[in-house]
Amino acid sequence: MDRPPLRFGAVILAAGASTRMGAPKQLLCVAGRPLLLRAVEAALASPAWPVVVVLGAHAEKIRPQLARHPVLVVENVAWAEGMAASIRTGISTLGQFSRTLEAALVALCDQPAFSANTIAQLLAAQAASGLGIAAARYRGLLGAPALFRREHFPALAALTGEAGARALLQGPAGTVAGVDLPELAVDLDTPEDLANFAAASKSC
C-alpha cells in the first residue's frame, strides 16, 4: 500500500542585506528571471503548500516582485540577527497556516540550481530513510535546502544567531539523510560570484 504524500510547506529565506553583493541579490536577473522568483517558482512547482517567503532588508523593493505569486510573504523584523531569525519567522508562519503539516522545507533564495527536482530528491531521500531530516550535500557538508519533519519544528523555532539550522544538520551520524547535489554549491553572494556564474550560463 502506497504511503500518502507528505504534507509539507516551504520556507524561502530572502531577508539578507546582500552587503557583499552591493545590491539586493534577491532581484538579480539570472537566465531571464529574478533570483528570488526562480526559487519561488521552483517551490510552487513542487507539492509544497504553503510557500512562505521571508523578507527583511530591502523588503519594500522585493515585495512587489511577489505580488502575482500565490505565496505568503512575511517580514522578519529581526533580520539583522541572522538566518535563524528568518527560519523562526517562517516556521511560525507555517504553524499559523496549518497544524497538520508534517514537514517543512527550508531553502535559500541565492542558489540558481535549486529546482522542483531538488525538492523531489529530498522528499525521496526522507521517505526512503525514514529519518527526520533530509538535506542537500555539497562541498562535503550538509546544508540548505533541507527538509525537516515536524518533530524538529520546536528546535527550528528556538534557533538563534547567524548559523541557521547548521547544528541540526550536523547532528549525530545517521540522523540526516544526505542527498548529493553538488550543483547547489553555487550561490551568488558577491559580484565575482555573479560574473563567474554568468560566464558559464545565460544571465541578463
Protein backbone atom coordinates (compact mmCIF):
# COMPACT_ATOMS: atom_id res chain seq x y z
CA MET A 1 0.00 0.00 0.00
CA ASP A 2 1.44 3.34 -1.06
CA ARG A 3 2.09 5.98 1.55
CA PRO A 4 0.06 9.18 1.24
CA PRO A 5 2.11 12.16 0.03
CA LEU A 6 3.95 14.06 2.72
CA ARG A 7 2.14 17.27 3.63
CA PHE A 8 4.83 19.94 3.82
CA GLY A 9 5.27 23.65 3.44
CA ALA A 10 8.24 25.58 2.11
CA VAL A 11 10.13 28.47 3.68
CA ILE A 12 12.30 30.53 1.33
CA LEU A 13 14.80 32.71 3.16
CA ALA A 14 15.21 36.07 1.43
CA ALA A 15 15.79 38.55 4.27
CA GLY A 16 19.51 39.22 3.94
CA ALA A 17 21.01 42.62 3.24
CA SER A 18 23.29 41.38 0.40
CA THR A 19 26.11 43.54 1.73
CA ARG A 20 28.80 41.65 -0.18
CA MET A 21 26.87 41.92 -3.43
CA GLY A 22 26.26 45.65 -3.03
CA ALA A 23 22.65 45.31 -4.28
CA PRO A 24 19.68 43.11 -3.34
CA LYS A 25 20.73 39.73 -4.70
CA GLN A 26 17.11 38.59 -4.42
CA LEU A 27 16.43 40.72 -7.50
CA LEU A 28 19.47 39.70 -9.57
CA CYS A 29 18.36 38.54 -13.00
CA VAL A 30 19.54 35.02 -13.80
CA ALA A 31 18.51 33.27 -17.02
CA GLY A 32 15.77 35.84 -17.51
CA ARG A 33 14.24 35.70 -14.03
CA PRO A 34 14.99 37.43 -10.71
CA LEU A 35 16.84 35.03 -8.44
CA LEU A 36 14.13 35.03 -5.76
CA LEU A 37 11.38 34.33 -8.28
CA ARG A 38 13.35 31.33 -9.57
CA ALA A 39 13.32 29.89 -6.03
CA VAL A 40 9.64 30.73 -5.51
CA GLU A 41 8.62 29.15 -8.80
CA ALA A 42 10.64 26.02 -8.01
CA ALA A 43 8.80 25.64 -4.72
CA LEU A 44 5.42 26.31 -6.32
CA ALA A 45 6.15 23.63 -8.93
CA SER A 46 6.57 21.09 -6.12
CA PRO A 47 3.89 19.64 -3.79
CA ALA A 48 4.83 22.22 -1.13
CA TRP A 49 1.91 24.21 0.32
CA PRO A 50 2.01 26.85 1.51
CA VAL A 51 5.14 28.56 0.24
CA VAL A 52 6.34 31.20 2.69
CA VAL A 53 8.82 33.89 1.63
CA VAL A 54 10.64 35.60 4.47
CA LEU A 55 11.77 39.15 3.68
CA GLY A 56 13.78 41.56 5.79
CA ALA A 57 16.30 44.03 4.38
CA HIS A 58 15.07 45.65 1.15
CA ALA A 59 11.57 44.27 1.77
CA GLU A 60 9.94 47.33 0.20
CA LYS A 61 11.88 46.74 -3.04
CA ILE A 62 11.34 42.99 -3.16
CA ARG A 63 7.71 42.60 -2.10
CA PRO A 64 6.21 43.94 -5.37
CA GLN A 65 8.00 41.20 -7.31
CA LEU A 66 5.96 38.60 -5.43
CA ALA A 67 2.54 40.18 -5.92
CA ARG A 68 1.41 37.77 -8.66
CA HIS A 69 2.57 34.62 -6.93
CA PRO A 70 0.43 32.55 -4.51
CA VAL A 71 2.83 32.79 -1.61
CA LEU A 72 2.69 34.01 1.97
CA VAL A 73 5.06 36.97 2.31
CA VAL A 74 6.18 37.73 5.84
CA GLU A 75 8.71 40.21 7.15
CA ASN A 76 11.38 39.28 9.65
CA VAL A 77 11.89 42.45 11.66
CA ALA A 78 14.91 40.84 13.35
CA TRP A 79 16.63 40.04 10.04
CA ALA A 80 19.90 41.62 11.22
CA GLU A 81 20.24 38.84 13.81
CA GLY A 82 20.97 36.33 11.07
CA MET A 83 19.43 33.34 9.33
CA ALA A 84 18.00 31.80 12.50
CA ALA A 85 15.54 34.66 12.94
CA SER A 86 14.22 34.13 9.42
CA ILE A 87 13.83 30.39 10.00
CA ARG A 88 11.90 31.13 13.20
CA THR A 89 9.64 33.53 11.31
CA GLY A 90 9.00 31.04 8.53
CA ILE A 91 8.28 28.10 10.82
CA SER A 92 5.94 30.24 12.91
CA THR A 93 4.06 31.26 9.77
CA LEU A 94 3.69 27.65 8.65
CA GLY A 95 2.37 26.74 12.10
CA GLN A 96 -0.21 29.51 11.95
CA PHE A 97 -1.31 28.42 8.48
CA SER A 98 -1.79 24.75 9.31
CA ARG A 99 -1.38 22.48 12.31
CA THR A 100 -1.43 19.37 10.14
CA LEU A 101 1.75 19.95 8.16
CA GLU A 102 4.11 17.02 8.54
CA ALA A 103 7.31 18.72 7.42
CA ALA A 104 8.93 21.97 6.30
CA LEU A 105 11.39 22.61 3.51
CA VAL A 106 13.86 25.40 4.27
CA ALA A 107 15.51 26.86 1.17
CA LEU A 108 17.72 29.79 0.26
CA CYS A 109 16.98 32.36 -2.41
CA ASP A 110 20.51 32.54 -3.86
CA GLN A 111 21.14 29.04 -5.28
CA PRO A 112 20.45 29.22 -9.03
CA ALA A 113 20.34 25.41 -9.37
CA PHE A 114 17.55 24.99 -6.81
CA SER A 115 14.56 23.41 -8.56
CA ALA A 116 11.42 21.34 -8.09
CA ASN A 117 13.60 18.31 -8.84
CA THR A 118 15.82 19.27 -5.91
CA ILE A 119 12.76 19.11 -3.66
CA ALA A 120 11.68 15.78 -5.17
CA GLN A 121 15.08 14.29 -4.38
CA LEU A 122 14.91 15.44 -0.77
CA LEU A 123 11.41 14.03 -0.40
CA ALA A 124 12.53 10.70 -1.84
CA ALA A 125 15.54 10.53 0.48
CA GLN A 126 13.44 11.27 3.54
CA ALA A 127 10.83 8.68 2.58
CA ALA A 128 13.44 6.01 1.85
CA SER A 129 15.43 6.64 5.02
CA GLY A 130 12.60 7.35 7.46
CA LEU A 131 14.85 9.96 9.06
CA GLY A 132 13.55 13.26 10.37
CA ILE A 133 15.80 15.42 8.20
CA ALA A 134 16.90 15.22 4.57
CA ALA A 135 19.45 17.77 3.37
CA ALA A 136 21.49 18.63 0.33
CA ARG A 137 25.16 17.67 0.43
CA TYR A 138 27.74 19.81 -1.38
CA ARG A 139 31.30 20.90 -0.66
CA GLY A 140 31.41 17.86 1.61
CA LEU A 141 28.85 19.32 4.01
CA LEU A 142 25.10 19.13 4.60
CA GLY A 143 23.22 22.35 4.03
CA ALA A 144 20.15 24.06 2.64
CA PRO A 145 17.80 23.22 1.13
CA ALA A 146 16.74 20.80 3.84
CA LEU A 147 13.51 19.03 4.70
CA PHE A 148 12.59 18.81 8.39
CA ARG A 149 9.89 16.55 9.78
CA ARG A 150 7.50 18.12 12.27
CA GLU A 151 9.33 16.76 15.31
CA HIS A 152 12.09 19.25 14.53
CA PHE A 153 9.80 22.29 14.40
CA PRO A 154 10.37 23.21 18.08
CA ALA A 155 14.14 23.16 17.55
CA LEU A 156 13.82 25.29 14.41
CA ALA A 157 11.59 27.74 16.28
CA ALA A 158 14.22 28.08 19.01
CA LEU A 159 17.24 28.79 16.76
CA THR A 160 19.35 31.88 17.36
CA GLY A 161 22.26 33.59 15.64
CA GLU A 162 23.79 33.51 12.20
CA ALA A 163 24.35 29.77 11.77
CA GLY A 164 20.76 28.93 10.90
CA ALA A 165 19.96 25.24 11.27
CA ARG A 166 23.57 24.10 10.98
CA ALA A 167 23.55 22.45 14.41
CA LEU A 168 20.60 20.27 13.41
CA LEU A 169 22.22 19.32 10.11
CA GLN A 170 25.50 18.44 11.82
CA GLY A 171 23.86 16.20 14.39
CA PRO A 172 24.91 12.63 15.19
CA ALA A 173 25.65 10.28 12.30
CA GLY A 174 22.55 8.58 10.99
CA THR A 175 20.16 11.40 11.86
CA VAL A 176 20.17 13.19 8.48
CA ALA A 177 19.62 11.72 5.02
CA GLY A 178 22.12 13.42 2.73
CA VAL A 179 21.45 13.94 -0.97
CA ASP A 180 24.46 14.67 -3.17
CA LEU A 181 23.61 17.88 -5.03
CA PRO A 182 26.97 19.44 -5.97
CA GLU A 183 25.30 21.97 -8.27
CA LEU A 184 23.91 23.72 -5.20
CA ALA A 185 27.40 24.69 -4.14
CA VAL A 186 26.95 27.66 -6.49
CA ASP A 187 25.43 30.56 -4.62
CA LEU A 188 25.57 34.22 -5.51
CA ASP A 189 26.97 36.33 -2.69
CA THR A 190 29.40 38.67 -4.46
CA PRO A 191 29.78 40.41 -7.83
CA GLU A 192 32.56 37.90 -8.57
CA ASP A 193 30.15 35.01 -7.95
CA LEU A 194 27.69 36.58 -10.37
CA ALA A 195 30.35 37.19 -13.00
CA ASN A 196 31.61 33.62 -12.77
CA PHE A 197 28.09 32.24 -12.99
CA ALA A 198 27.22 34.50 -15.93
CA ALA A 199 30.33 33.35 -17.77
CA ALA A 200 29.13 29.76 -17.54
CA SER A 201 25.45 30.35 -18.24
CA LYS A 202 22.95 32.77 -19.70
CA SER A 203 22.36 35.77 -17.46
CA CYS A 204 20.68 39.09 -18.09
